[in-house]
Amino acid sequence: MKFYGKFPTDGVSGGRPRYLATPLSETDLRNYIRLLERHGIAFNYLLNGACFGNREWTRPAEKGDGPAGQVGEMGVRRVTVSRHFCWNWSNAVFPNSK
């Protein structure tokens, strides 16, 4: 079983409008990921937006810097990407992901 989601303020598009996302604090998301992990359920982080406003070509994005980088430290082990640039970038942000 997998759960899909994303942090609404990570600065990366996730395929749906941010105003529809559940408002979460970093602590809430970290605790949720840990709870799922204790029950053997993977949390799959979404980087599947259609448009990234050309931010994917900036130096900070290439290095994995920015708000989404903090999510990699929360225990995310699976990532869904929509664009080829996201694959390399997600490896920088989520080095232990599948």
Protein backbone atom coordinates (compact mmCIF):
# COMPACT_ATOMS: atom_id res chain seq x y z
CA MET A 1 0.00 0.00 0.00
CA LYS A 2 1.21 3.51 -0.81
CA PHE A 3 0.08 6.98 0.13
CA TYR A 4 0.71 9.86 -2.24
CA GLY A 5 1.07 13.50 -1.34
CA LYS A 6 3.26 16.54 -1.10
CA PHE A 7 4.06 19.48 1.09
CA PRO A 8 1.87 22.35 -0.15
CA THR A 9 4.54 25.02 0.29
CA ASP A 10 7.62 23.22 -1.03
CA GLY A 11 7.88 25.48 -4.09
CA VAL A 12 7.45 22.61 -6.55
CA SER A 13 4.31 21.95 -8.55
CA GLY A 14 2.45 18.79 -7.68
CA GLY A 15 -0.20 18.40 -10.34
CA ARG A 16 -3.05 20.12 -8.48
CA PRO A 17 -3.69 23.67 -7.28
CA ARG A 18 -2.02 24.55 -3.98
CA TYR A 19 -5.22 26.02 -2.59
CA LEU A 20 -6.72 22.49 -2.66
CA ALA A 21 -3.87 21.02 -0.62
CA THR A 22 -4.24 20.25 3.05
CA PRO A 23 -2.33 22.86 5.04
CA LEU A 24 0.43 21.06 6.95
CA SER A 25 3.37 22.09 9.02
CA GLU A 26 6.72 20.39 8.49
CA THR A 27 6.25 18.64 11.82
CA ASP A 28 2.82 17.34 10.77
CA LEU A 29 4.17 15.88 7.53
CA ARG A 30 7.21 14.34 9.26
CA ASN A 31 4.97 12.72 11.88
CA TYR A 32 2.59 11.43 9.21
CA ILE A 33 5.42 9.87 7.21
CA ARG A 34 6.76 8.18 10.38
CA LEU A 35 3.31 6.88 11.29
CA LEU A 36 2.87 5.32 7.85
CA GLU A 37 6.37 3.85 8.03
CA ARG A 38 5.62 2.17 11.38
CA HIS A 39 2.69 0.43 9.68
CA GLY A 40 4.78 -0.66 6.70
CA ILE A 41 3.19 1.84 4.33
CA ALA A 42 5.29 3.87 1.92
CA PHE A 43 4.72 7.59 1.48
CA ASN A 44 5.23 8.58 -2.15
CA TYR A 45 6.19 12.24 -2.61
CA LEU A 46 4.81 13.95 -5.73
CA LEU A 47 6.94 16.06 -8.07
CA ASN A 48 4.53 15.64 -10.95
CA GLY A 49 3.55 19.10 -12.06
CA ALA A 50 3.13 19.99 -15.71
CA CYS A 51 4.79 23.40 -15.41
CA PHE A 52 7.63 24.51 -13.19
CA GLY A 53 7.93 28.07 -14.52
CA ASN A 54 11.44 27.38 -15.88
CA ARG A 55 12.73 27.07 -12.31
CA GLU A 56 14.05 23.64 -13.22
CA TRP A 57 16.83 25.30 -15.22
CA THR A 58 18.16 27.45 -12.38
CA ARG A 59 21.33 26.62 -10.47
CA PRO A 60 19.57 26.19 -7.10
CA ALA A 61 17.15 23.67 -8.64
CA GLU A 62 19.99 21.74 -10.28
CA LYS A 63 21.69 21.41 -6.90
CA GLY A 64 18.49 20.44 -5.11
CA ASP A 65 18.44 23.62 -3.05
CA GLY A 66 15.18 25.18 -1.98
CA PRO A 67 12.16 24.35 0.13
CA ALA A 68 11.66 20.86 -1.34
CA GLY A 69 15.15 19.92 -0.17
CA GLN A 70 13.91 20.00 3.42
CA VAL A 71 11.32 17.33 2.61
CA GLY A 72 14.08 14.88 1.75
CA GLU A 73 15.14 15.00 5.39
CA MET A 74 11.66 13.97 6.58
CA GLY A 75 11.96 10.29 5.67
CA VAL A 76 10.53 10.27 2.15
CA ARG A 77 11.66 7.06 0.41
CA ARG A 78 9.57 7.10 -2.79
CA VAL A 79 9.12 9.88 -5.34
CA THR A 80 6.87 10.21 -8.41
CA VAL A 81 8.17 12.56 -11.10
CA SER A 82 6.57 13.86 -14.28
CA ARG A 83 9.49 15.37 -16.16
CA HIS A 84 12.96 14.06 -16.96
CA PHE A 85 14.71 16.89 -15.13
CA CYS A 86 12.87 15.87 -11.97
CA TRP A 87 14.59 12.48 -11.95
CA ASN A 88 18.11 13.86 -11.49
CA TRP A 89 16.87 16.59 -9.19
CA SER A 90 14.92 14.13 -7.03
CA ASN A 91 18.07 12.02 -6.59
CA ALA A 92 19.79 15.08 -5.18
CA VAL A 93 16.89 15.96 -2.86
CA PHE A 94 15.86 12.39 -1.93
CA PRO A 95 19.07 10.34 -2.13
CA ASN A 96 17.52 7.25 -0.47
CA SER A 97 14.37 7.17 -2.61
CA LYS A 98 13.12 4.60 -5.11
